[in-house]
């Protein structure tokens, strides 16, 4: 319901000739033609942020969200086949700046976008290739100083990169819709280890 309302609000800020599509998860792509370059794109981003900042009514509850928008403009920001990756890199810059804002693509962002794409593709195969492992961190009772449980931690050993930090691969999994697959793997692996 929330994603449908997000899409409706995004459609309300663009023209009929523009395209609004959902990339996956909570990511949307807006394709605009004949826009007044970066100034026109920034103005549209401001309208989209304002529309998405209004509370959403979801199953009788008020939900407030913020958005991060990345902008890439052809031809200033590269060839047409690079625009989506460049907009994506700019969006991550907006997120790192605290969210609720937009960022225009800059050339130094390109390396990060390609690395994210490479890690996403590798992560899709990490479970099947046996690259993930589960580590358990003890939880201590502060009064008795005894172990009262454990917390399961995912670890990823990439064949070329070595250990990839969860701070790197968990956001990628969330962004590309792989987080449920990883969650199911954690449950199955924890049960398998407990049974053993």
Protein backbone atom coordinates (compact mmCIF):
# COMPACT_ATOMS: atom_id res chain seq x y z
CA UNK A 1 0.00 0.00 0.00
CA UNK A 2 2.81 2.38 0.90
CA UNK A 3 4.73 1.65 -2.32
CA UNK A 4 1.59 2.26 -4.39
CA UNK A 5 1.04 5.61 -2.67
CA UNK A 6 4.71 6.53 -3.17
CA UNK A 7 4.34 5.79 -6.89
CA UNK A 8 1.15 7.83 -7.09
CA UNK A 9 2.82 10.84 -5.46
CA UNK A 10 5.82 10.59 -7.76
CA UNK A 11 3.50 10.47 -10.78
CA UNK A 12 1.76 13.61 -9.50
CA UNK A 13 4.98 15.68 -9.70
CA UNK A 14 6.00 14.67 -13.24
CA UNK A 15 4.42 15.27 -16.64
CA UNK A 16 2.32 12.70 -18.51
CA UNK A 17 5.20 12.23 -20.95
CA UNK A 18 7.65 11.29 -18.16
CA UNK A 19 8.24 7.77 -16.89
CA UNK A 20 8.02 6.61 -13.26
CA UNK A 21 9.11 3.04 -12.56
CA UNK A 22 9.98 0.99 -9.50
CA UNK A 23 13.50 -0.44 -9.66
CA UNK A 24 13.05 -2.79 -6.71
CA UNK A 25 12.66 -2.55 -2.97
CA UNK A 26 11.89 1.08 -2.21
CA UNK A 27 13.78 2.52 -5.20
CA UNK A 28 12.07 4.36 -8.02
CA UNK A 29 13.44 5.74 -11.27
CA UNK A 30 12.12 8.88 -12.97
CA UNK A 31 13.01 9.33 -16.63
CA UNK A 32 12.44 12.88 -17.85
CA UNK A 33 12.92 14.17 -21.36
CA UNK A 34 13.18 17.79 -22.49
CA UNK A 35 13.95 19.11 -19.02
CA UNK A 36 15.81 22.35 -18.40
CA UNK A 37 19.08 20.56 -17.57
CA UNK A 38 20.27 20.40 -14.00
CA UNK A 39 18.15 23.33 -12.83
CA UNK A 40 14.94 21.69 -14.07
CA UNK A 41 15.93 18.35 -12.59
CA UNK A 42 16.74 19.96 -9.23
CA UNK A 43 13.38 21.76 -9.23
CA UNK A 44 11.60 18.46 -9.87
CA UNK A 45 13.60 16.79 -7.09
CA UNK A 46 12.46 19.53 -4.68
CA UNK A 47 8.82 18.93 -5.67
CA UNK A 48 9.22 15.17 -5.23
CA UNK A 49 10.83 15.59 -1.80
CA UNK A 50 7.99 17.89 -0.71
CA UNK A 51 5.35 15.43 -1.95
CA UNK A 52 7.01 12.49 -0.19
CA UNK A 53 7.53 14.42 3.05
CA UNK A 54 3.76 14.58 3.67
CA UNK A 55 2.55 11.82 6.05
CA UNK A 56 1.18 8.63 4.48
CA UNK A 57 -1.96 6.94 5.78
CA UNK A 58 -1.17 3.21 5.92
CA UNK A 59 -3.79 0.93 7.44
CA UNK A 60 -5.10 3.78 9.57
CA UNK A 61 -1.66 4.88 10.78
CA UNK A 62 0.33 7.97 9.89
CA UNK A 63 3.73 7.06 8.46
CA UNK A 64 6.41 9.64 7.74
CA UNK A 65 9.24 8.96 5.32
CA UNK A 66 12.16 10.78 3.85
CA UNK A 67 13.69 10.27 0.43
CA UNK A 68 17.12 10.55 -1.11
CA UNK A 69 17.30 11.50 -4.77
CA UNK A 70 20.21 11.18 -7.18
CA UNK A 71 20.26 13.15 -10.42
CA UNK A 72 22.14 12.41 -13.64
CA UNK A 73 21.60 14.55 -16.74
CA UNK A 74 22.49 13.58 -20.32
CA UNK A 75 24.99 14.43 -21.79
CA UNK A 76 26.67 16.33 -18.93
CA UNK A 77 26.89 13.26 -16.70
CA UNK A 78 27.92 10.66 -19.23
CA UNK A 79 26.61 8.37 -21.93
CA UNK A 80 22.99 7.28 -21.83
CA UNK A 81 23.93 3.72 -20.79
CA UNK A 82 25.65 5.12 -17.66
CA UNK A 83 22.91 7.48 -16.48
CA UNK A 84 21.09 5.07 -14.18
CA UNK A 85 24.35 4.02 -12.45
CA UNK A 86 25.36 7.67 -12.13
CA UNK A 87 21.97 8.69 -10.69
CA UNK A 88 22.31 5.77 -8.29
CA UNK A 89 25.74 6.95 -7.15
CA UNK A 90 24.37 10.46 -6.61
CA UNK A 91 21.45 9.04 -4.61
CA UNK A 92 23.90 7.31 -2.27
CA UNK A 93 25.72 10.61 -1.81
CA UNK A 94 22.39 12.19 -0.81
CA UNK A 95 21.80 9.33 1.66
CA UNK A 96 25.26 9.77 3.18
CA UNK A 97 24.52 13.47 3.61
CA UNK A 98 21.63 12.55 5.90
CA UNK A 99 18.77 11.86 3.49
CA UNK A 100 15.76 14.01 2.75
CA UNK A 101 17.70 15.71 -0.02
CA UNK A 102 19.02 15.31 -3.55
CA UNK A 103 22.50 15.26 -5.06
CA UNK A 104 23.74 15.87 -8.58
CA UNK A 105 26.16 13.32 -10.01
CA UNK A 106 29.86 14.18 -9.84
CA UNK A 107 32.59 12.23 -11.62
CA UNK A 108 34.25 11.02 -8.39
CA UNK A 109 31.03 9.13 -7.54
CA UNK A 110 31.42 6.75 -10.51
CA UNK A 111 33.86 4.34 -8.86
CA UNK A 112 31.47 3.78 -5.96
CA UNK A 113 28.57 3.01 -8.30
CA UNK A 114 30.53 0.33 -10.17
CA UNK A 115 31.71 -1.25 -6.93
CA UNK A 116 28.13 -1.39 -5.61
CA UNK A 117 26.98 -3.09 -8.81
CA UNK A 118 29.84 -5.63 -8.65
CA UNK A 119 29.09 -6.45 -5.01
CA UNK A 120 25.37 -6.78 -5.74
CA UNK A 121 26.02 -9.30 -8.49
CA UNK A 122 28.48 -11.25 -6.32
CA UNK A 123 26.12 -11.24 -3.33
CA UNK A 124 23.38 -12.83 -5.45
CA UNK A 125 25.59 -15.94 -5.70
CA UNK A 126 27.27 -15.84 -2.28
CA UNK A 127 24.80 -18.25 -0.61
CA UNK A 128 24.93 -20.83 -3.42
CA UNK A 129 28.73 -20.59 -3.54
CA UNK A 130 29.11 -21.18 0.21
CA UNK A 131 30.75 -17.81 0.80
CA UNK A 132 28.58 -16.85 3.80
CA UNK A 133 29.22 -17.98 7.34
CA UNK A 134 27.45 -17.45 10.62
CA UNK A 135 29.27 -16.27 13.72
CA UNK A 136 27.70 -16.18 17.16
CA UNK A 137 28.30 -13.37 19.60
CA UNK A 138 27.44 -14.15 23.23
CA UNK A 139 24.88 -12.05 25.06
CA UNK A 140 25.73 -11.58 28.72
CA UNK A 141 23.44 -11.05 31.69
CA UNK A 142 24.85 -7.92 33.37
CA UNK A 143 23.85 -9.08 36.88
CA UNK A 144 25.08 -12.67 36.81
CA UNK A 145 27.84 -12.21 34.19
CA UNK A 146 26.59 -15.42 32.55
CA UNK A 147 25.91 -16.05 28.91
CA UNK A 148 22.13 -15.85 28.44
CA UNK A 149 21.98 -16.18 24.67
CA UNK A 150 23.76 -15.54 21.42
CA UNK A 151 23.35 -13.17 18.52
CA UNK A 152 23.87 -14.53 15.00
CA UNK A 153 26.13 -12.42 12.77
CA UNK A 154 26.45 -12.88 9.00
CA UNK A 155 29.92 -12.83 7.51
CA UNK A 156 30.85 -12.86 3.83
CA UNK A 157 34.20 -14.06 2.51
CA UNK A 158 34.36 -12.92 -1.12
CA UNK A 159 36.69 -15.10 -3.24
CA UNK A 160 38.73 -12.10 -4.47
CA UNK A 161 38.02 -9.32 -1.93
CA UNK A 162 38.30 -11.39 1.22
CA UNK A 163 36.06 -10.45 4.14
CA UNK A 164 33.36 -7.94 3.17
CA UNK A 165 32.00 -5.92 6.08
CA UNK A 166 28.31 -6.33 6.94
CA UNK A 167 28.20 -2.52 6.96
CA UNK A 168 28.90 -2.79 3.22
CA UNK A 169 26.88 -5.82 2.11
CA UNK A 170 23.75 -5.50 4.31
CA UNK A 171 22.73 -2.13 2.77
CA UNK A 172 23.33 -3.63 -0.70
CA UNK A 173 21.14 -6.63 0.21
CA UNK A 174 18.40 -4.30 1.46
CA UNK A 175 18.63 -2.08 -1.58
CA UNK A 176 18.49 -4.84 -4.16
CA UNK A 177 15.85 -6.97 -2.44
CA UNK A 178 18.22 -9.72 -1.25
CA UNK A 179 17.75 -9.17 2.48
CA UNK A 180 14.94 -11.73 2.82
CA UNK A 181 17.06 -14.38 1.09
CA UNK A 182 19.89 -13.64 3.53
CA UNK A 183 17.48 -13.72 6.47
CA UNK A 184 16.15 -17.14 5.44
CA UNK A 185 19.71 -18.40 5.09
CA UNK A 186 20.57 -17.17 8.62
CA UNK A 187 17.59 -19.00 10.14
CA UNK A 188 18.30 -22.22 8.24
CA UNK A 189 22.02 -22.12 9.05
CA UNK A 190 21.45 -21.32 12.75
CA UNK A 191 18.98 -24.25 13.00
CA UNK A 192 21.40 -26.55 11.19
CA UNK A 193 24.23 -25.63 13.57
CA UNK A 194 22.00 -25.99 16.65
CA UNK A 195 20.87 -29.44 15.50
CA UNK A 196 24.47 -30.49 14.94
